[in-house]
Amino acid sequence: MSINKFLIILAAVVASILLILFGLRGQSVMLDRLNPTIPVKPYYTVVETDGKQLNNTQWEYKLIGYDDKGEKNTFIMIASKSLRKGAYLEVYAKGLNGKGWTEVTPAGIPEKAQKNLSFLIALESNNTR
């Protein structure tokens, strides 16, 4: 096999892998966890619901968060305890996969994320009336 033919096949394989990785973004928590093309980013959120208790030491939360630019992301996070409703969190997420979290004060949230969270909280409170 000539070197040109080998390079064409190699380029096609690499392009196929990249297409698959980018095409599968946001399809499932497990795929996002394994996909090296998705960066881990901090998002800011408010706990508004009780988590789904998976066992004695794990609770699952589906959260909506905003990054420092105000861009929205929905992700699933597993916590080792039940989280307090109304708690403001900084969650490190990789696509749909929430990785780690820290409770923060509203003053510690970037302005654009805080603006979107305030809108989200107001919307939620109107829906529960």
N, C-alpha and C. Protein backbone atom coordinates (compact mmCIF):
# COMPACT_ATOMS: atom_id res chain seq x y z
N MET A 1 0.86 -1.18 0.00
CA MET A 1 0.00 0.00 0.00
C MET A 1 0.90 1.24 0.00
N SER A 2 0.56 2.19 -0.83
CA SER A 2 1.37 3.40 -0.92
C SER A 2 1.11 4.30 0.28
N ILE A 3 2.04 5.18 0.55
CA ILE A 3 1.94 6.11 1.67
C ILE A 3 0.75 7.05 1.50
N ASN A 4 0.44 7.47 0.27
CA ASN A 4 -0.70 8.36 0.03
C ASN A 4 -2.02 7.67 0.38
N LYS A 5 -2.14 6.42 0.01
CA LYS A 5 -3.36 5.66 0.30
C LYS A 5 -3.52 5.50 1.82
N PHE A 6 -2.40 5.22 2.50
CA PHE A 6 -2.42 5.07 3.95
C PHE A 6 -2.84 6.37 4.63
N LEU A 7 -2.31 7.50 4.18
CA LEU A 7 -2.66 8.80 4.77
C LEU A 7 -4.13 9.15 4.54
N ILE A 8 -4.65 8.80 3.38
CA ILE A 8 -6.07 9.05 3.09
C ILE A 8 -6.95 8.22 4.02
N ILE A 9 -6.60 6.96 4.21
CA ILE A 9 -7.37 6.09 5.10
C ILE A 9 -7.28 6.59 6.54
N LEU A 10 -6.09 6.97 6.97
CA LEU A 10 -5.89 7.49 8.32
C LEU A 10 -6.70 8.77 8.54
N ALA A 11 -6.68 9.68 7.57
CA ALA A 11 -7.45 10.92 7.68
C ALA A 11 -8.94 10.63 7.74
N ALA A 12 -9.41 9.65 6.98
CA ALA A 12 -10.83 9.29 7.00
C ALA A 12 -11.23 8.71 8.35
N VAL A 13 -10.36 7.88 8.94
CA VAL A 13 -10.65 7.30 10.26
C VAL A 13 -10.69 8.39 11.32
N VAL A 14 -9.72 9.29 11.32
CA VAL A 14 -9.68 10.39 12.29
C VAL A 14 -10.91 11.28 12.12
N ALA A 15 -11.26 11.62 10.90
CA ALA A 15 -12.44 12.46 10.65
C ALA A 15 -13.70 11.76 11.13
N SER A 16 -13.80 10.47 10.93
CA SER A 16 -14.98 9.71 11.38
C SER A 16 -15.09 9.73 12.90
N ILE A 17 -13.97 9.53 13.58
CA ILE A 17 -13.98 9.55 15.05
C ILE A 17 -14.40 10.92 15.55
N LEU A 18 -13.85 11.98 14.98
CA LEU A 18 -14.22 13.34 15.40
C LEU A 18 -15.69 13.63 15.13
N LEU A 19 -16.20 13.20 14.00
CA LEU A 19 -17.63 13.38 13.69
C LEU A 19 -18.50 12.67 14.71
N ILE A 20 -18.12 11.47 15.07
CA ILE A 20 -18.88 10.71 16.07
C ILE A 20 -18.84 11.42 17.42
N LEU A 21 -17.65 11.85 17.86
CA LEU A 21 -17.52 12.51 19.16
C LEU A 21 -18.34 13.80 19.22
N PHE A 22 -18.25 14.63 18.19
CA PHE A 22 -19.00 15.89 18.19
C PHE A 22 -20.50 15.63 17.99
N GLY A 23 -20.85 14.63 17.23
CA GLY A 23 -22.25 14.31 16.98
C GLY A 23 -22.96 13.74 18.19
N LEU A 24 -22.22 13.12 19.10
CA LEU A 24 -22.82 12.49 20.28
C LEU A 24 -22.87 13.42 21.49
N ARG A 25 -22.43 14.65 21.34
CA ARG A 25 -22.47 15.59 22.47
C ARG A 25 -23.91 15.77 22.94
N GLY A 26 -24.10 15.70 24.26
CA GLY A 26 -25.41 15.95 24.83
C GLY A 26 -26.41 14.83 24.64
N GLN A 27 -25.97 13.65 24.23
CA GLN A 27 -26.89 12.54 24.02
C GLN A 27 -27.16 11.76 25.30
N SER A 28 -26.13 11.61 26.15
CA SER A 28 -26.33 10.91 27.42
C SER A 28 -25.23 11.33 28.39
N VAL A 29 -25.51 11.14 29.68
CA VAL A 29 -24.55 11.49 30.71
C VAL A 29 -23.27 10.68 30.54
N MET A 30 -23.41 9.38 30.29
CA MET A 30 -22.24 8.51 30.16
C MET A 30 -21.38 8.90 28.96
N LEU A 31 -22.00 9.18 27.83
CA LEU A 31 -21.23 9.57 26.65
C LEU A 31 -20.50 10.89 26.88
N ASP A 32 -21.18 11.85 27.53
CA ASP A 32 -20.53 13.13 27.81
C ASP A 32 -19.35 12.95 28.76
N ARG A 33 -19.49 12.04 29.72
CA ARG A 33 -18.42 11.78 30.68
C ARG A 33 -17.16 11.27 29.97
N LEU A 34 -17.35 10.45 28.95
CA LEU A 34 -16.23 9.83 28.25
C LEU A 34 -15.69 10.66 27.09
N ASN A 35 -16.46 11.63 26.61
CA ASN A 35 -16.09 12.39 25.41
C ASN A 35 -15.02 13.43 25.73
N PRO A 36 -13.81 13.27 25.17
CA PRO A 36 -12.73 14.22 25.48
C PRO A 36 -12.89 15.59 24.83
N THR A 37 -13.85 15.75 23.92
CA THR A 37 -14.02 17.05 23.26
C THR A 37 -14.91 18.00 24.06
N ILE A 38 -15.50 17.52 25.15
CA ILE A 38 -16.39 18.36 25.97
C ILE A 38 -15.60 18.87 27.18
N PRO A 39 -15.49 20.18 27.35
CA PRO A 39 -14.75 20.71 28.49
C PRO A 39 -15.58 20.68 29.78
N VAL A 40 -14.90 20.66 30.91
CA VAL A 40 -15.55 20.81 32.21
C VAL A 40 -15.65 22.30 32.48
N LYS A 41 -16.87 22.79 32.78
CA LYS A 41 -17.09 24.22 33.00
C LYS A 41 -17.91 24.42 34.27
N PRO A 42 -17.70 25.53 34.97
CA PRO A 42 -18.54 25.83 36.13
C PRO A 42 -19.87 26.46 35.70
N TYR A 43 -20.93 25.98 36.32
CA TYR A 43 -22.27 26.53 36.11
C TYR A 43 -22.85 26.87 37.47
N TYR A 44 -23.72 27.85 37.50
CA TYR A 44 -24.34 28.30 38.74
C TYR A 44 -25.81 27.97 38.68
N THR A 45 -26.33 27.43 39.79
CA THR A 45 -27.71 26.98 39.82
C THR A 45 -28.30 27.15 41.21
N VAL A 46 -29.60 26.94 41.32
CA VAL A 46 -30.30 26.96 42.59
C VAL A 46 -31.05 25.64 42.71
N VAL A 47 -30.94 25.00 43.87
CA VAL A 47 -31.67 23.76 44.11
C VAL A 47 -33.13 24.12 44.35
N GLU A 48 -34.01 23.63 43.48
CA GLU A 48 -35.43 23.99 43.60
C GLU A 48 -36.32 22.79 43.90
N THR A 49 -35.79 21.59 43.79
CA THR A 49 -36.59 20.39 44.03
C THR A 49 -35.83 19.43 44.93
N ASP A 50 -36.57 18.49 45.50
CA ASP A 50 -35.92 17.41 46.22
C ASP A 50 -35.27 16.50 45.21
N GLY A 51 -34.12 16.00 45.54
CA GLY A 51 -33.46 15.06 44.64
C GLY A 51 -34.14 13.70 44.71
N LYS A 52 -33.89 12.91 43.70
CA LYS A 52 -34.40 11.54 43.67
C LYS A 52 -33.39 10.68 44.44
N GLN A 53 -33.84 10.08 45.56
CA GLN A 53 -32.93 9.27 46.36
C GLN A 53 -32.67 7.95 45.65
N LEU A 54 -31.40 7.71 45.32
CA LEU A 54 -31.01 6.49 44.62
C LEU A 54 -30.73 5.36 45.60
N ASN A 55 -30.11 5.70 46.73
CA ASN A 55 -29.85 4.75 47.82
C ASN A 55 -29.61 5.57 49.08
N ASN A 56 -29.05 4.97 50.12
CA ASN A 56 -28.86 5.69 51.38
C ASN A 56 -27.84 6.82 51.30
N THR A 57 -26.99 6.80 50.29
CA THR A 57 -25.92 7.80 50.23
C THR A 57 -25.86 8.59 48.92
N GLN A 58 -26.88 8.46 48.07
CA GLN A 58 -26.84 9.18 46.79
C GLN A 58 -28.20 9.74 46.42
N TRP A 59 -28.18 11.02 46.00
CA TRP A 59 -29.37 11.70 45.50
C TRP A 59 -29.06 12.24 44.12
N GLU A 60 -30.01 12.09 43.21
CA GLU A 60 -29.84 12.56 41.84
C GLU A 60 -30.65 13.83 41.64
N TYR A 61 -30.02 14.84 41.07
CA TYR A 61 -30.67 16.12 40.80
C TYR A 61 -30.55 16.44 39.32
N LYS A 62 -31.66 16.88 38.73
CA LYS A 62 -31.62 17.43 37.37
C LYS A 62 -31.68 18.94 37.55
N LEU A 63 -30.63 19.62 37.11
CA LEU A 63 -30.48 21.04 37.38
C LEU A 63 -30.32 21.84 36.10
N ILE A 64 -30.75 23.08 36.16
CA ILE A 64 -30.51 24.05 35.09
C ILE A 64 -29.52 25.05 35.65
N GLY A 65 -28.42 25.26 34.93
CA GLY A 65 -27.41 26.19 35.40
C GLY A 65 -26.97 27.13 34.29
N TYR A 66 -26.27 28.17 34.69
CA TYR A 66 -25.76 29.18 33.76
C TYR A 66 -24.28 29.41 34.03
N ASP A 67 -23.50 29.55 32.96
CA ASP A 67 -22.08 29.84 33.14
C ASP A 67 -21.88 31.34 33.30
N ASP A 68 -20.63 31.76 33.40
CA ASP A 68 -20.34 33.18 33.64
C ASP A 68 -20.72 34.08 32.47
N LYS A 69 -21.00 33.49 31.30
CA LYS A 69 -21.46 34.27 30.15
C LYS A 69 -22.98 34.28 30.05
N GLY A 70 -23.65 33.57 30.97
CA GLY A 70 -25.11 33.50 30.95
C GLY A 70 -25.66 32.40 30.07
N GLU A 71 -24.80 31.50 29.58
CA GLU A 71 -25.25 30.41 28.72
C GLU A 71 -25.82 29.27 29.56
N LYS A 72 -26.96 28.76 29.12
CA LYS A 72 -27.71 27.76 29.87
C LYS A 72 -27.21 26.34 29.59
N ASN A 73 -27.26 25.51 30.61
CA ASN A 73 -26.98 24.08 30.46
C ASN A 73 -27.87 23.32 31.43
N THR A 74 -28.40 22.21 30.99
CA THR A 74 -29.16 21.31 31.85
C THR A 74 -28.29 20.09 32.07
N PHE A 75 -28.14 19.67 33.32
CA PHE A 75 -27.27 18.54 33.62
C PHE A 75 -27.83 17.75 34.79
N ILE A 76 -27.30 16.54 34.93
CA ILE A 76 -27.69 15.65 36.02
C ILE A 76 -26.50 15.52 36.95
N MET A 77 -26.76 15.65 38.25
CA MET A 77 -25.69 15.59 39.23
C MET A 77 -26.07 14.61 40.33
N ILE A 78 -25.11 13.82 40.77
CA ILE A 78 -25.30 12.92 41.90
C ILE A 78 -24.63 13.56 43.11
N ALA A 79 -25.38 13.71 44.20
CA ALA A 79 -24.83 14.28 45.44
C ALA A 79 -24.82 13.20 46.51
N SER A 80 -23.89 13.33 47.45
CA SER A 80 -23.77 12.34 48.52
C SER A 80 -24.68 12.65 49.70
N LYS A 81 -25.48 13.70 49.57
CA LYS A 81 -26.46 14.03 50.60
C LYS A 81 -27.62 14.77 49.95
N SER A 82 -28.71 14.86 50.67
CA SER A 82 -29.85 15.62 50.18
C SER A 82 -29.50 17.11 50.28
N LEU A 83 -29.69 17.83 49.20
CA LEU A 83 -29.33 19.24 49.17
C LEU A 83 -30.50 20.12 49.63
N ARG A 84 -30.15 21.21 50.27
CA ARG A 84 -31.15 22.14 50.79
C ARG A 84 -31.81 22.90 49.65
N LYS A 85 -33.15 22.92 49.66
CA LYS A 85 -33.86 23.72 48.66
C LYS A 85 -33.49 25.19 48.86
N GLY A 86 -33.29 25.88 47.76
CA GLY A 86 -32.91 27.29 47.81
C GLY A 86 -31.41 27.51 47.88
N ALA A 87 -30.62 26.43 47.96
CA ALA A 87 -29.17 26.56 48.02
C ALA A 87 -28.63 26.95 46.64
N TYR A 88 -27.72 27.92 46.64
CA TYR A 88 -27.04 28.32 45.41
C TYR A 88 -25.78 27.46 45.29
N LEU A 89 -25.59 26.88 44.11
CA LEU A 89 -24.46 25.98 43.91
C LEU A 89 -23.62 26.41 42.71
N GLU A 90 -22.33 26.15 42.82
CA GLU A 90 -21.44 26.19 41.66
C GLU A 90 -21.17 24.72 41.35
N VAL A 91 -21.60 24.29 40.16
CA VAL A 91 -21.47 22.89 39.76
C VAL A 91 -20.52 22.82 38.57
N TYR A 92 -19.55 21.94 38.67
CA TYR A 92 -18.67 21.69 37.53
C TYR A 92 -19.32 20.60 36.70
N ALA A 93 -19.62 20.94 35.45
CA ALA A 93 -20.34 20.01 34.58
C ALA A 93 -19.57 19.80 33.29
N LYS A 94 -19.67 18.59 32.81
CA LYS A 94 -19.09 18.21 31.52
C LYS A 94 -20.26 17.75 30.67
N GLY A 95 -20.81 18.69 29.87
CA GLY A 95 -22.00 18.37 29.10
C GLY A 95 -23.18 18.12 30.02
N LEU A 96 -23.79 16.95 29.93
CA LEU A 96 -24.94 16.59 30.77
C LEU A 96 -24.53 16.06 32.13
N ASN A 97 -23.24 15.92 32.38
CA ASN A 97 -22.73 15.26 33.56
C ASN A 97 -22.22 16.27 34.59
N GLY A 98 -22.98 16.46 35.69
CA GLY A 98 -22.51 17.29 36.79
C GLY A 98 -21.48 16.52 37.58
N LYS A 99 -20.31 17.10 37.80
CA LYS A 99 -19.22 16.36 38.41
C LYS A 99 -19.06 16.67 39.90
N GLY A 100 -18.90 17.89 40.26
CA GLY A 100 -18.70 18.28 41.64
C GLY A 100 -19.41 19.59 41.91
N TRP A 101 -19.66 19.90 43.18
CA TRP A 101 -20.40 21.11 43.49
C TRP A 101 -19.88 21.73 44.77
N THR A 102 -20.13 23.03 44.90
CA THR A 102 -19.82 23.80 46.09
C THR A 102 -20.98 24.76 46.32
N GLU A 103 -21.42 24.89 47.56
CA GLU A 103 -22.46 25.88 47.85
C GLU A 103 -21.80 27.26 47.86
N VAL A 104 -22.46 28.22 47.22
CA VAL A 104 -21.95 29.59 47.14
C VAL A 104 -23.04 30.56 47.59
N THR A 105 -22.64 31.80 47.82
CA THR A 105 -23.62 32.84 48.14
C THR A 105 -24.03 33.51 46.82
N PRO A 106 -25.20 34.13 46.78
CA PRO A 106 -25.60 34.84 45.56
C PRO A 106 -24.57 35.88 45.12
N ALA A 107 -23.87 36.49 46.08
CA ALA A 107 -22.86 37.50 45.74
C ALA A 107 -21.67 36.88 45.01
N GLY A 108 -21.46 35.58 45.16
CA GLY A 108 -20.34 34.90 44.51
C GLY A 108 -20.65 34.41 43.11
N ILE A 109 -21.84 34.72 42.61
CA ILE A 109 -22.26 34.26 41.28
C ILE A 109 -22.03 35.39 40.27
N PRO A 110 -21.40 35.09 39.13
CA PRO A 110 -21.19 36.12 38.10
C PRO A 110 -22.51 36.78 37.68
N GLU A 111 -22.42 38.03 37.31
CA GLU A 111 -23.61 38.86 37.03
C GLU A 111 -24.55 38.25 35.99
N LYS A 112 -24.02 37.78 34.87
CA LYS A 112 -24.90 37.24 33.82
C LYS A 112 -25.59 35.96 34.27
N ALA A 113 -24.89 35.12 35.01
CA ALA A 113 -25.51 33.90 35.53
C ALA A 113 -26.56 34.26 36.57
N GLN A 114 -26.25 35.23 37.42
CA GLN A 114 -27.19 35.66 38.46
C GLN A 114 -28.48 36.21 37.86
N LYS A 115 -28.35 36.98 36.79
CA LYS A 115 -29.52 37.55 36.12
C LYS A 115 -30.44 36.44 35.60
N ASN A 116 -29.85 35.43 34.95
CA ASN A 116 -30.65 34.32 34.43
C ASN A 116 -31.25 33.47 35.55
N LEU A 117 -30.50 33.28 36.63
CA LEU A 117 -31.03 32.52 37.76
C LEU A 117 -32.21 33.25 38.40
N SER A 118 -32.11 34.57 38.52
CA SER A 118 -33.21 35.36 39.09
C SER A 118 -34.46 35.20 38.24
N PHE A 119 -34.30 35.21 36.92
CA PHE A 119 -35.42 35.01 36.01
C PHE A 119 -36.00 33.61 36.18
N LEU A 120 -35.14 32.61 36.30
CA LEU A 120 -35.58 31.22 36.46
C LEU A 120 -36.34 31.04 37.77
N ILE A 121 -35.85 31.63 38.85
CA ILE A 121 -36.51 31.52 40.15
C ILE A 121 -37.87 32.20 40.10
N ALA A 122 -37.95 33.38 39.48
CA ALA A 122 -39.24 34.08 39.36
C ALA A 122 -40.22 33.26 38.54
N LEU A 123 -39.75 32.65 37.48
CA LEU A 123 -40.59 31.81 36.63
C LEU A 123 -41.11 30.60 37.40
N GLU A 124 -40.24 29.96 38.17
CA GLU A 124 -40.63 28.80 38.97
C GLU A 124 -41.66 29.19 40.02
N SER A 125 -41.46 30.33 40.69
CA SER A 125 -42.40 30.73 41.73
C SER A 125 -43.77 31.07 41.14
N ASN A 126 -43.80 31.60 39.92
CA ASN A 126 -45.08 31.86 39.26
C ASN A 126 -45.79 30.57 38.87
N ASN A 127 -45.02 29.54 38.52
CA ASN A 127 -45.61 28.25 38.13
C ASN A 127 -46.15 27.48 39.32
N THR A 128 -45.66 27.75 40.53
CA THR A 128 -46.12 27.01 41.70
C THR A 128 -47.29 27.69 42.39
N ARG A 129 -47.69 28.83 41.91
CA ARG A 129 -48.84 29.54 42.53
C ARG A 129 -50.14 29.01 42.02
